[in-house]
Structure formats: C-alpha cells, structure tokens
C-alpha cells in the first residue's frame, strides 16, 4: 500500500496553480515507472506464493512481463507508449483476478 500511495502522490504536484503538468510528469515519470516495476515484481515474487499460497506460471509470467514493460517505459519517453503500458497493466490486473478466482 505504501508504494501505491507514493505513486499516487508523485502523479500530481503539491501546488496545482500555474503548473505545466507535462513538464512535471517528465520530471517524475522515471520514479513512477520504477515504483510500478517494483510493485509488479513484488506481486510476482511475494504475493502469489506467500499470500495466496499458489503459483500459477502464466500469471507469474504476465507479472514479470508487465514489470519489464514498466522498466522499458523509463527509456521510452512517448506518452502514447505509456498509455498503452497502463492499459496492459489494467488488463493484467483484471486477468490475474479472474485467474486466481477460478483457479487457473
């Protein structure tokens, strides 16, 4: 939860008056993507085996893939690429939820 709070806090500046949001995002985007990669890697290596008590190889692979995409997003500065990665992240979370709820 702490990492998600820090990510949410980094998304917007403390003062919203007269702020160029694109310039602000450019300044903090690397930190956000590192934290997202860390979050997905921790889900892959800690949550499934230790919290849920099961290991699903396809779910693990999808979490590692999304973590890798987050790391690639640090290098690729294209906002459209970032949007595509965010959509993939949402899809992976939904799929992971369905996979755990139906057991495969």
PDB file of N, CA and C in Angstrom:
ATOM      1  N   UNK A   1       0.821  -1.189   0.000  1.00  0.00           N
ATOM      2  CA  UNK A   1       0.000   0.000   0.000  1.00  0.00           C
ATOM      3  C   UNK A   1       0.867   1.256   0.000  1.00  0.00           C
ATOM      4  N   UNK A   2       2.007   1.174   0.658  1.00  0.00           N
ATOM      5  CA  UNK A   2       2.883   2.341   0.730  1.00  0.00           C
ATOM      6  C   UNK A   2       3.390   2.769  -0.634  1.00  0.00           C
ATOM      7  N   UNK A   3       3.780   1.791  -1.446  1.00  0.00           N
ATOM      8  CA  UNK A   3       4.268   2.122  -2.790  1.00  0.00           C
ATOM      9  C   UNK A   3       3.159   2.767  -3.614  1.00  0.00           C
ATOM     10  N   UNK A   4       1.948   2.239  -3.508  1.00  0.00           N
ATOM     11  CA  UNK A   4       0.838   2.816  -4.270  1.00  0.00           C
ATOM     12  C   UNK A   4       0.544   4.247  -3.825  1.00  0.00           C
ATOM     13  N   UNK A   5       0.681   4.533  -2.523  1.00  0.00           N
ATOM     14  CA  UNK A   5       0.489   5.899  -2.036  1.00  0.00           C
ATOM     15  C   UNK A   5       1.550   6.826  -2.626  1.00  0.00           C
ATOM     16  N   UNK A   6       2.807   6.382  -2.626  1.00  0.00           N
ATOM     17  CA  UNK A   6       3.884   7.213  -3.166  1.00  0.00           C
ATOM     18  C   UNK A   6       3.670   7.470  -4.650  1.00  0.00           C
ATOM     19  N   UNK A   7       3.247   6.455  -5.390  1.00  0.00           N
ATOM     20  CA  UNK A   7       2.960   6.638  -6.821  1.00  0.00           C
ATOM     21  C   UNK A   7       1.857   7.668  -7.011  1.00  0.00           C
ATOM     22  N   UNK A   8       0.774   7.526  -6.232  1.00  0.00           N
ATOM     23  CA  UNK A   8      -0.333   8.479  -6.347  1.00  0.00           C
ATOM     24  C   UNK A   8       0.120   9.886  -5.984  1.00  0.00           C
ATOM     25  N   UNK A   9       0.965  10.008  -4.991  1.00  0.00           N
ATOM     26  CA  UNK A   9       1.454  11.326  -4.569  1.00  0.00           C
ATOM     27  C   UNK A   9       2.353  11.939  -5.630  1.00  0.00           C
ATOM     28  N   UNK A  10       3.137  11.126  -6.311  1.00  0.00           N
ATOM     29  CA  UNK A  10       4.020  11.641  -7.353  1.00  0.00           C
ATOM     30  C   UNK A  10       3.271  12.075  -8.611  1.00  0.00           C
ATOM     31  N   UNK A  11       2.065  11.573  -8.803  1.00  0.00           N
ATOM     32  CA  UNK A  11       1.337  11.862 -10.036  1.00  0.00           C
ATOM     33  C   UNK A  11       0.952  13.335 -10.173  1.00  0.00           C
ATOM     34  N   UNK A  12       0.798  14.037  -9.057  1.00  0.00           N
ATOM     35  CA  UNK A  12       0.373  15.431  -9.110  1.00  0.00           C
ATOM     36  C   UNK A  12       1.249  16.281  -8.210  1.00  0.00           C
ATOM     37  N   UNK A  13       1.552  17.514  -8.657  1.00  0.00           N
ATOM     38  CA  UNK A  13       2.367  18.402  -7.823  1.00  0.00           C
ATOM     39  C   UNK A  13       1.594  18.878  -6.596  1.00  0.00           C
ATOM     40  N   UNK A  14       2.320  19.336  -5.594  1.00  0.00           N
ATOM     41  CA  UNK A  14       1.685  19.824  -4.370  1.00  0.00           C
ATOM     42  C   UNK A  14       0.828  21.054  -4.648  1.00  0.00           C
ATOM     43  N   UNK A  15       1.314  21.940  -5.461  1.00  0.00           N
ATOM     44  CA  UNK A  15       0.558  23.140  -5.843  1.00  0.00           C
ATOM     45  C   UNK A  15       0.087  22.989  -7.285  1.00  0.00           C
ATOM     46  N   UNK A  16      -1.208  23.115  -7.499  1.00  0.00           N
ATOM     47  CA  UNK A  16      -1.759  22.913  -8.843  1.00  0.00           C
ATOM     48  C   UNK A  16      -1.908  24.209  -9.638  1.00  0.00           C
ATOM     49  N   UNK A  17      -1.624  25.366  -9.044  1.00  0.00           N
ATOM     50  CA  UNK A  17      -1.789  26.626  -9.756  1.00  0.00           C
ATOM     51  C   UNK A  17      -0.565  26.911 -10.614  1.00  0.00           C
ATOM     52  N   UNK A  18      -0.817  27.260 -11.846  1.00  0.00           N
ATOM     53  CA  UNK A  18       0.233  27.629 -12.800  1.00  0.00           C
ATOM     54  C   UNK A  18       1.330  26.582 -12.932  1.00  0.00           C
ATOM     55  N   UNK A  19       0.934  25.327 -13.051  1.00  0.00           N
ATOM     56  CA  UNK A  19       1.892  24.240 -13.195  1.00  0.00           C
ATOM     57  C   UNK A  19       1.728  23.616 -14.574  1.00  0.00           C
ATOM     58  N   UNK A  20       2.834  23.420 -15.260  1.00  0.00           N
ATOM     59  CA  UNK A  20       2.824  22.706 -16.533  1.00  0.00           C
ATOM     60  C   UNK A  20       2.877  21.209 -16.205  1.00  0.00           C
ATOM     61  N   UNK A  21       1.721  20.538 -16.329  1.00  0.00           N
ATOM     62  CA  UNK A  21       1.640  19.138 -15.931  1.00  0.00           C
ATOM     63  C   UNK A  21       2.509  18.227 -16.794  1.00  0.00           C
ATOM     64  N   UNK A  22       2.671  18.574 -18.058  1.00  0.00           N
ATOM     65  CA  UNK A  22       3.545  17.756 -18.914  1.00  0.00           C
ATOM     66  C   UNK A  22       4.998  17.837 -18.446  1.00  0.00           C
ATOM     67  N   UNK A  23       5.454  19.031 -18.091  1.00  0.00           N
ATOM     68  CA  UNK A  23       6.818  19.184 -17.596  1.00  0.00           C
ATOM     69  C   UNK A  23       6.972  18.496 -16.239  1.00  0.00           C
ATOM     70  N   UNK A  24       5.956  18.595 -15.408  1.00  0.00           N
ATOM     71  CA  UNK A  24       6.013  17.937 -14.105  1.00  0.00           C
ATOM     72  C   UNK A  24       6.102  16.421 -14.281  1.00  0.00           C
ATOM     73  N   UNK A  25       5.248  15.870 -15.170  1.00  0.00           N
ATOM     74  CA  UNK A  25       5.281  14.430 -15.427  1.00  0.00           C
ATOM     75  C   UNK A  25       6.640  13.996 -15.958  1.00  0.00           C
ATOM     76  N   UNK A  26       7.207  14.776 -16.845  1.00  0.00           N
ATOM     77  CA  UNK A  26       8.535  14.434 -17.382  1.00  0.00           C
ATOM     78  C   UNK A  26       9.576  14.351 -16.275  1.00  0.00           C
ATOM     79  N   UNK A  27       9.419  15.174 -15.251  1.00  0.00           N
ATOM     80  CA  UNK A  27      10.374  15.172 -14.157  1.00  0.00           C
ATOM     81  C   UNK A  27      10.235  13.999 -13.207  1.00  0.00           C
ATOM     82  N   UNK A  28       9.009  13.471 -13.051  1.00  0.00           N
ATOM     83  CA  UNK A  28       8.788  12.396 -12.077  1.00  0.00           C
ATOM     84  C   UNK A  28       8.457  11.044 -12.719  1.00  0.00           C
ATOM     85  N   UNK A  29       8.360  11.000 -14.031  1.00  0.00           N
ATOM     86  CA  UNK A  29       7.941   9.771 -14.711  1.00  0.00           C
ATOM     87  C   UNK A  29       8.870   8.600 -14.418  1.00  0.00           C
ATOM     88  N   UNK A  30      10.177   8.837 -14.399  1.00  0.00           N
ATOM     89  CA  UNK A  30      11.118   7.736 -14.131  1.00  0.00           C
ATOM     90  C   UNK A  30      10.863   7.109 -12.763  1.00  0.00           C
ATOM     91  N   UNK A  31      10.636   7.949 -11.758  1.00  0.00           N
ATOM     92  CA  UNK A  31      10.367   7.432 -10.411  1.00  0.00           C
ATOM     93  C   UNK A  31       9.075   6.620 -10.378  1.00  0.00           C
ATOM     94  N   UNK A  32       8.050   7.126 -11.065  1.00  0.00           N
ATOM     95  CA  UNK A  32       6.764   6.416 -11.095  1.00  0.00           C
ATOM     96  C   UNK A  32       6.925   5.044 -11.746  1.00  0.00           C
ATOM     97  N   UNK A  33       7.626   4.983 -12.880  1.00  0.00           N
ATOM     98  CA  UNK A  33       7.790   3.711 -13.586  1.00  0.00           C
ATOM     99  C   UNK A  33       8.660   2.733 -12.800  1.00  0.00           C
ATOM    100  N   UNK A  34       9.692   3.224 -12.094  1.00  0.00           N
ATOM    101  CA  UNK A  34      10.489   2.344 -11.227  1.00  0.00           C
ATOM    102  C   UNK A  34       9.623   1.751 -10.132  1.00  0.00           C
ATOM    103  N   UNK A  35       8.775   2.577  -9.524  1.00  0.00           N
ATOM    104  CA  UNK A  35       7.905   2.092  -8.452  1.00  0.00           C
ATOM    105  C   UNK A  35       6.871   1.099  -8.984  1.00  0.00           C
ATOM    106  N   UNK A  36       6.342   1.350 -10.186  1.00  0.00           N
ATOM    107  CA  UNK A  36       5.405   0.393 -10.773  1.00  0.00           C
ATOM    108  C   UNK A  36       6.092  -0.941 -11.069  1.00  0.00           C
ATOM    109  N   UNK A  37       7.304  -0.881 -11.584  1.00  0.00           N
ATOM    110  CA  UNK A  37       8.053  -2.122 -11.845  1.00  0.00           C
ATOM    111  C   UNK A  37       8.298  -2.878 -10.547  1.00  0.00           C
ATOM    112  N   UNK A  38       8.652  -2.164  -9.491  1.00  0.00           N
ATOM    113  CA  UNK A  38       8.875  -2.805  -8.190  1.00  0.00           C
ATOM    114  C   UNK A  38       7.590  -3.421  -7.652  1.00  0.00           C
ATOM    115  N   UNK A  39       6.479  -2.735  -7.857  1.00  0.00           N
ATOM    116  CA  UNK A  39       5.189  -3.258  -7.387  1.00  0.00           C
ATOM    117  C   UNK A  39       4.849  -4.560  -8.097  1.00  0.00           C
ATOM    118  N   UNK A  40       4.970  -4.590  -9.411  1.00  0.00           N
ATOM    119  CA  UNK A  40       4.638  -5.809 -10.155  1.00  0.00           C
ATOM    120  C   UNK A  40       5.616  -6.941  -9.845  1.00  0.00           C
ATOM    121  N   UNK A  41       6.895  -6.612  -9.668  1.00  0.00           N
ATOM    122  CA  UNK A  41       7.860  -7.647  -9.316  1.00  0.00           C
ATOM    123  C   UNK A  41       7.556  -8.222  -7.937  1.00  0.00           C
ATOM    124  N   UNK A  42       7.153  -7.365  -7.001  1.00  0.00           N
ATOM    125  CA  UNK A  42       6.809  -7.882  -5.666  1.00  0.00           C
ATOM    126  C   UNK A  42       5.552  -8.735  -5.716  1.00  0.00           C
ATOM    127  N   UNK A  43       4.592  -8.362  -6.556  1.00  0.00           N
ATOM    128  CA  UNK A  43       3.410  -9.206  -6.725  1.00  0.00           C
ATOM    129  C   UNK A  43       3.818 -10.579  -7.247  1.00  0.00           C
ATOM    130  N   UNK A  44       4.719 -10.593  -8.226  1.00  0.00           N
ATOM    131  CA  UNK A  44       5.113 -11.858  -8.841  1.00  0.00           C
ATOM    132  C   UNK A  44       5.864 -12.752  -7.870  1.00  0.00           C
ATOM    133  N   UNK A  45       6.795 -12.169  -7.113  1.00  0.00           N
ATOM    134  CA  UNK A  45       7.664 -12.992  -6.270  1.00  0.00           C
ATOM    135  C   UNK A  45       7.167 -13.190  -4.845  1.00  0.00           C
ATOM    136  N   UNK A  46       6.285 -12.315  -4.366  1.00  0.00           N
ATOM    137  CA  UNK A  46       5.855 -12.417  -2.969  1.00  0.00           C
ATOM    138  C   UNK A  46       4.382 -12.747  -2.791  1.00  0.00           C
ATOM    139  N   UNK A  47       3.505 -12.061  -3.518  1.00  0.00           N
ATOM    140  CA  UNK A  47       2.071 -12.214  -3.254  1.00  0.00           C
ATOM    141  C   UNK A  47       1.554 -13.598  -3.594  1.00  0.00           C
ATOM    142  N   UNK A  48       1.857 -14.074  -4.777  1.00  0.00           N
ATOM    143  CA  UNK A  48       1.296 -15.364  -5.198  1.00  0.00           C
ATOM    144  C   UNK A  48       1.745 -16.513  -4.304  1.00  0.00           C
ATOM    145  N   UNK A  49       3.037 -16.716  -4.121  1.00  0.00           N
ATOM    146  CA  UNK A  49       3.430 -17.893  -3.326  1.00  0.00           C
ATOM    147  C   UNK A  49       3.181 -17.737  -1.829  1.00  0.00           C
ATOM    148  N   UNK A  50       3.352 -16.536  -1.295  1.00  0.00           N
ATOM    149  CA  UNK A  50       3.286 -16.388   0.158  1.00  0.00           C
ATOM    150  C   UNK A  50       1.926 -15.933   0.673  1.00  0.00           C
ATOM    151  N   UNK A  51       1.208 -15.130  -0.097  1.00  0.00           N
ATOM    152  CA  UNK A  51      -0.102 -14.641   0.358  1.00  0.00           C
ATOM    153  C   UNK A  51      -1.213 -15.575  -0.099  1.00  0.00           C
ATOM    154  N   UNK A  52      -1.218 -15.907  -1.389  1.00  0.00           N
ATOM    155  CA  UNK A  52      -2.282 -16.763  -1.919  1.00  0.00           C
ATOM    156  C   UNK A  52      -1.976 -18.245  -1.763  1.00  0.00           C
ATOM    157  N   UNK A  53      -0.721 -18.599  -1.578  1.00  0.00           N
ATOM    158  CA  UNK A  53      -0.354 -19.986  -1.369  1.00  0.00           C
ATOM    159  C   UNK A  53      -0.374 -20.834  -2.618  1.00  0.00           C
ATOM    160  N   UNK A  54      -0.376 -20.213  -3.778  1.00  0.00           N
ATOM    161  CA  UNK A  54      -0.310 -20.981  -5.014  1.00  0.00           C
ATOM    162  C   UNK A  54       0.525 -20.235  -6.030  1.00  0.00           C
ATOM    163  N   UNK A  55       1.034 -20.968  -6.984  1.00  0.00           N
ATOM    164  CA  UNK A  55       1.882 -20.392  -8.018  1.00  0.00           C
ATOM    165  C   UNK A  55       1.307 -20.785  -9.364  1.00  0.00           C
ATOM    166  N   UNK A  56       0.875 -19.787 -10.124  1.00  0.00           N
ATOM    167  CA  UNK A  56       0.362 -20.023 -11.474  1.00  0.00           C
ATOM    168  C   UNK A  56       1.384 -19.474 -12.467  1.00  0.00           C
ATOM    169  N   UNK A  57       2.021 -20.347 -13.253  1.00  0.00           N
ATOM    170  CA  UNK A  57       3.104 -19.896 -14.135  1.00  0.00           C
ATOM    171  C   UNK A  57       2.708 -18.795 -15.111  1.00  0.00           C
ATOM    172  N   UNK A  58       1.516 -18.856 -15.691  1.00  0.00           N
ATOM    173  CA  UNK A  58       1.112 -17.825 -16.646  1.00  0.00           C
ATOM    174  C   UNK A  58       0.903 -16.477 -15.965  1.00  0.00           C
ATOM    175  N   UNK A  59       0.352 -16.499 -14.771  1.00  0.00           N
ATOM    176  CA  UNK A  59       0.166 -15.253 -14.021  1.00  0.00           C
ATOM    177  C   UNK A  59       1.526 -14.670 -13.652  1.00  0.00           C
ATOM    178  N   UNK A  60       2.434 -15.528 -13.187  1.00  0.00           N
ATOM    179  CA  UNK A  60       3.790 -15.085 -12.855  1.00  0.00           C
ATOM    180  C   UNK A  60       4.459 -14.459 -14.076  1.00  0.00           C
ATOM    181  N   UNK A  61       4.374 -15.118 -15.214  1.00  0.00           N
ATOM    182  CA  UNK A  61       4.994 -14.607 -16.435  1.00  0.00           C
ATOM    183  C   UNK A  61       4.392 -13.268 -16.847  1.00  0.00           C
ATOM    184  N   UNK A  62       3.076 -13.124 -16.702  1.00  0.00           N
ATOM    185  CA  UNK A  62       2.441 -11.855 -17.076  1.00  0.00           C
ATOM    186  C   UNK A  62       2.881 -10.737 -16.140  1.00  0.00           C
ATOM    187  N   UNK A  63       3.068 -11.036 -14.858  1.00  0.00           N
ATOM    188  CA  UNK A  63       3.524 -10.009 -13.922  1.00  0.00           C
ATOM    189  C   UNK A  63       4.959  -9.582 -14.215  1.00  0.00           C
ATOM    190  N   UNK A  64       5.806 -10.527 -14.556  1.00  0.00           N
ATOM    191  CA  UNK A  64       7.193 -10.201 -14.915  1.00  0.00           C
ATOM    192  C   UNK A  64       7.221  -9.405 -16.223  1.00  0.00           C
ATOM    193  N   UNK A  65       6.373  -9.767 -17.177  1.00  0.00           N
ATOM    194  CA  UNK A  65       6.299  -9.025 -18.438  1.00  0.00           C
ATOM    195  C   UNK A  65       5.884  -7.577 -18.191  1.00  0.00           C
ATOM    196  N   UNK A  66       4.888  -7.368 -17.340  1.00  0.00           N
ATOM    197  CA  UNK A  66       4.431  -6.004 -17.054  1.00  0.00           C
ATOM    198  C   UNK A  66       5.518  -5.226 -16.311  1.00  0.00           C
ATOM    199  N   UNK A  67       6.230  -5.870 -15.413  1.00  0.00           N
ATOM    200  CA  UNK A  67       7.346  -5.200 -14.727  1.00  0.00           C
ATOM    201  C   UNK A  67       8.411  -4.781 -15.743  1.00  0.00           C
ATOM    202  N   UNK A  68       8.687  -5.654 -16.709  1.00  0.00           N
ATOM    203  CA  UNK A  68       9.663  -5.320 -17.752  1.00  0.00           C
ATOM    204  C   UNK A  68       9.171  -4.156 -18.615  1.00  0.00           C
ATOM    205  N   UNK A  69       7.878  -4.145 -18.934  1.00  0.00           N
ATOM    206  CA  UNK A  69       7.325  -3.025 -19.705  1.00  0.00           C
ATOM    207  C   UNK A  69       7.440  -1.715 -18.940  1.00  0.00           C
ATOM    208  N   UNK A  70       7.261  -1.772 -17.622  1.00  0.00           N
ATOM    209  CA  UNK A  70       7.428  -0.562 -16.818  1.00  0.00           C
ATOM    210  C   UNK A  70       8.867  -0.066 -16.895  1.00  0.00           C
ATOM    211  N   UNK A  71       9.829  -0.985 -16.874  1.00  0.00           N
ATOM    212  CA  UNK A  71      11.235  -0.589 -16.995  1.00  0.00           C
ATOM    213  C   UNK A  71      11.541  -0.024 -18.377  1.00  0.00           C
ATOM    214  N   UNK A  72      10.925  -0.593 -19.409  1.00  0.00           N
ATOM    215  CA  UNK A  72      11.105  -0.059 -20.765  1.00  0.00           C
ATOM    216  C   UNK A  72      10.521   1.350 -20.853  1.00  0.00           C
ATOM    217  N   UNK A  73       9.441   1.588 -20.125  1.00  0.00           N
ATOM    218  CA  UNK A  73       8.795   2.906 -20.150  1.00  0.00           C
ATOM    219  C   UNK A  73       9.691   4.008 -19.599  1.00  0.00           C
ATOM    220  N   UNK A  74      10.671   3.641 -18.801  1.00  0.00           N
ATOM    221  CA  UNK A  74      11.630   4.629 -18.303  1.00  0.00           C
ATOM    222  C   UNK A  74      12.456   5.176 -19.462  1.00  0.00           C
ATOM    223  N   UNK A  75      12.801   4.307 -20.397  1.00  0.00           N
ATOM    224  CA  UNK A  75      13.630   4.707 -21.540  1.00  0.00           C
ATOM    225  C   UNK A  75      12.816   5.326 -22.664  1.00  0.00           C
ATOM    226  N   UNK A  76      11.589   4.830 -22.860  1.00  0.00           N
ATOM    227  CA  UNK A  76      10.734   5.327 -23.938  1.00  0.00           C
ATOM    228  C   UNK A  76       9.914   6.483 -23.368  1.00  0.00           C
ATOM    229  N   UNK A  77      10.147   7.664 -23.844  1.00  0.00           N
ATOM    230  CA  UNK A  77       9.517   8.859 -23.288  1.00  0.00           C
ATOM    231  C   UNK A  77       8.213   9.222 -23.987  1.00  0.00           C
ATOM    232  N   UNK A  78       7.682   8.343 -24.803  1.00  0.00           N
ATOM    233  CA  UNK A  78       6.456   8.617 -25.562  1.00  0.00           C
ATOM    234  C   UNK A  78       5.217   8.468 -24.686  1.00  0.00           C
ATOM    235  N   UNK A  79       4.413   9.525 -24.548  1.00  0.00           N
ATOM    236  CA  UNK A  79       3.182   9.420 -23.754  1.00  0.00           C
ATOM    237  C   UNK A  79       2.215   8.364 -24.293  1.00  0.00           C
ATOM    238  N   UNK A  80       2.174   8.180 -25.609  1.00  0.00           N
ATOM    239  CA  UNK A  80       1.282   7.153 -26.155  1.00  0.00           C
ATOM    240  C   UNK A  80       1.744   5.755 -25.762  1.00  0.00           C
ATOM    241  N   UNK A  81       3.051   5.528 -25.712  1.00  0.00           N
ATOM    242  CA  UNK A  81       3.569   4.240 -25.248  1.00  0.00           C
ATOM    243  C   UNK A  81       3.210   4.033 -23.781  1.00  0.00           C
ATOM    244  N   UNK A  82       3.319   5.075 -22.977  1.00  0.00           N
ATOM    245  CA  UNK A  82       2.975   4.987 -21.560  1.00  0.00           C
ATOM    246  C   UNK A  82       1.504   4.632 -21.381  1.00  0.00           C
ATOM    247  N   UNK A  83       0.642   5.200 -22.199  1.00  0.00           N
ATOM    248  CA  UNK A  83      -0.793   4.883 -22.119  1.00  0.00           C
ATOM    249  C   UNK A  83      -1.028   3.419 -22.466  1.00  0.00           C
ATOM    250  N   UNK A  84      -0.357   2.930 -23.493  1.00  0.00           N
ATOM    251  CA  UNK A  84      -0.502   1.517 -23.874  1.00  0.00           C
ATOM    252  C   UNK A  84      -0.053   0.609 -22.727  1.00  0.00           C
ATOM    253  N   UNK A  85       1.059   0.942 -22.081  1.00  0.00           N
ATOM    254  CA  UNK A  85       1.548   0.128 -20.959  1.00  0.00           C
ATOM    255  C   UNK A  85       0.553   0.165 -19.797  1.00  0.00           C
ATOM    256  N   UNK A  86      -0.031   1.314 -19.526  1.00  0.00           N
ATOM    257  CA  UNK A  86      -1.022   1.416 -18.449  1.00  0.00           C
ATOM    258  C   UNK A  86      -2.243   0.562 -18.762  1.00  0.00           C
ATOM    259  N   UNK A  87      -2.696   0.570 -20.008  1.00  0.00           N
ATOM    260  CA  UNK A  87      -3.836  -0.274 -20.402  1.00  0.00           C
ATOM    261  C   UNK A  87      -3.474  -1.755 -20.227  1.00  0.00           C
ATOM    262  N   UNK A  88      -2.261  -2.138 -20.605  1.00  0.00           N
ATOM    263  CA  UNK A  88      -1.806  -3.524 -20.415  1.00  0.00           C
ATOM    264  C   UNK A  88      -1.782  -3.869 -18.928  1.00  0.00           C
ATOM    265  N   UNK A  89      -1.357  -2.927 -18.102  1.00  0.00           N
ATOM    266  CA  UNK A  89      -1.342  -3.164 -16.652  1.00  0.00           C
ATOM    267  C   UNK A  89      -2.742  -3.413 -16.115  1.00  0.00           C
ATOM    268  N   UNK A  90      -3.700  -2.593 -16.523  1.00  0.00           N
ATOM    269  CA  UNK A  90      -5.082  -2.792 -16.085  1.00  0.00           C
ATOM    270  C   UNK A  90      -5.615  -4.147 -16.552  1.00  0.00           C
ATOM    271  N   UNK A  91      -5.336  -4.497 -17.802  1.00  0.00           N
ATOM    272  CA  UNK A  91      -5.794  -5.785 -18.326  1.00  0.00           C
ATOM    273  C   UNK A  91      -5.173  -6.935 -17.554  1.00  0.00           C
ATOM    274  N   UNK A  92      -3.900  -6.818 -17.211  1.00  0.00           N
ATOM    275  CA  UNK A  92      -3.223  -7.879 -16.466  1.00  0.00           C
ATOM    276  C   UNK A  92      -3.818  -8.033 -15.074  1.00  0.00           C
ATOM    277  N   UNK A  93      -4.127  -6.924 -14.419  1.00  0.00           N
ATOM    278  CA  UNK A  93      -4.725  -6.992 -13.083  1.00  0.00           C
ATOM    279  C   UNK A  93      -6.089  -7.672 -13.144  1.00  0.00           C
ATOM    280  N   UNK A  94      -6.898  -7.315 -14.135  1.00  0.00           N
ATOM    281  CA  UNK A  94      -8.206  -7.966 -14.285  1.00  0.00           C
ATOM    282  C   UNK A  94      -8.047  -9.452 -14.562  1.00  0.00           C
ATOM    283  N   UNK A  95      -7.148  -9.787 -15.483  1.00  0.00           N
ATOM    284  CA  UNK A  95      -6.941 -11.197 -15.821  1.00  0.00           C
ATOM    285  C   UNK A  95      -6.409 -11.970 -14.615  1.00  0.00           C
ATOM    286  N   UNK A  96      -5.466 -11.348 -13.860  1.00  0.00           N
ATOM    287  CA  UNK A  96      -4.912 -12.008 -12.689  1.00  0.00           C
ATOM    288  C   UNK A  96      -6.016 -12.272 -11.661  1.00  0.00           C
ATOM    289  N   UNK A  97      -6.891 -11.328 -11.478  1.00  0.00           N
ATOM    290  CA  UNK A  97      -8.006 -11.524 -10.547  1.00  0.00           C
ATOM    291  C   UNK A  97      -8.890 -12.668 -10.960  1.00  0.00           C
ATOM    292  N   UNK A  98      -9.202 -12.748 -12.257  1.00  0.00           N
ATOM    293  CA  UNK A  98     -10.027 -13.865 -12.754  1.00  0.00           C
ATOM    294  C   UNK A  98      -9.283 -15.186 -12.616  1.00  0.00           C
ATOM    295  N   UNK A  99      -7.975 -15.187 -12.906  1.00  0.00           N
ATOM    296  CA  UNK A  99      -7.199 -16.428 -12.823  1.00  0.00           C
ATOM    297  C   UNK A  99      -7.173 -16.970 -11.406  1.00  0.00           C
ATOM    298  N   UNK A 100      -6.997 -16.101 -10.436  1.00  0.00           N
ATOM    299  CA  UNK A 100      -6.972 -16.554  -9.038  1.00  0.00           C
ATOM    300  C   UNK A 100      -8.356 -16.965  -8.563  1.00  0.00           C
ATOM    301  N   UNK A 101      -9.394 -16.256  -9.027  1.00  0.00           N
ATOM    302  CA  UNK A 101     -10.733 -16.588  -8.532  1.00  0.00           C
ATOM    303  C   UNK A 101     -11.271 -17.890  -9.106  1.00  0.00           C
ATOM    304  N   UNK A 102     -10.858 -18.247 -10.339  1.00  0.00           N
ATOM    305  CA  UNK A 102     -11.336 -19.500 -10.905  1.00  0.00           C
ATOM    306  C   UNK A 102     -10.301 -20.622 -10.795  1.00  0.00           C
ATOM    307  N   UNK A 103      -9.109 -20.292 -10.272  1.00  0.00           N
ATOM    308  CA  UNK A 103      -8.103 -21.318 -10.039  1.00  0.00           C
ATOM    309  C   UNK A 103      -7.279 -21.708 -11.227  1.00  0.00           C
ATOM    310  N   UNK A 104      -7.116 -20.862 -12.196  1.00  0.00           N
ATOM    311  CA  UNK A 104      -6.268 -21.210 -13.309  1.00  0.00           C
ATOM    312  C   UNK A 104      -6.337 -20.197 -14.351  1.00  0.00           C
TER     313      UNK A 104
END
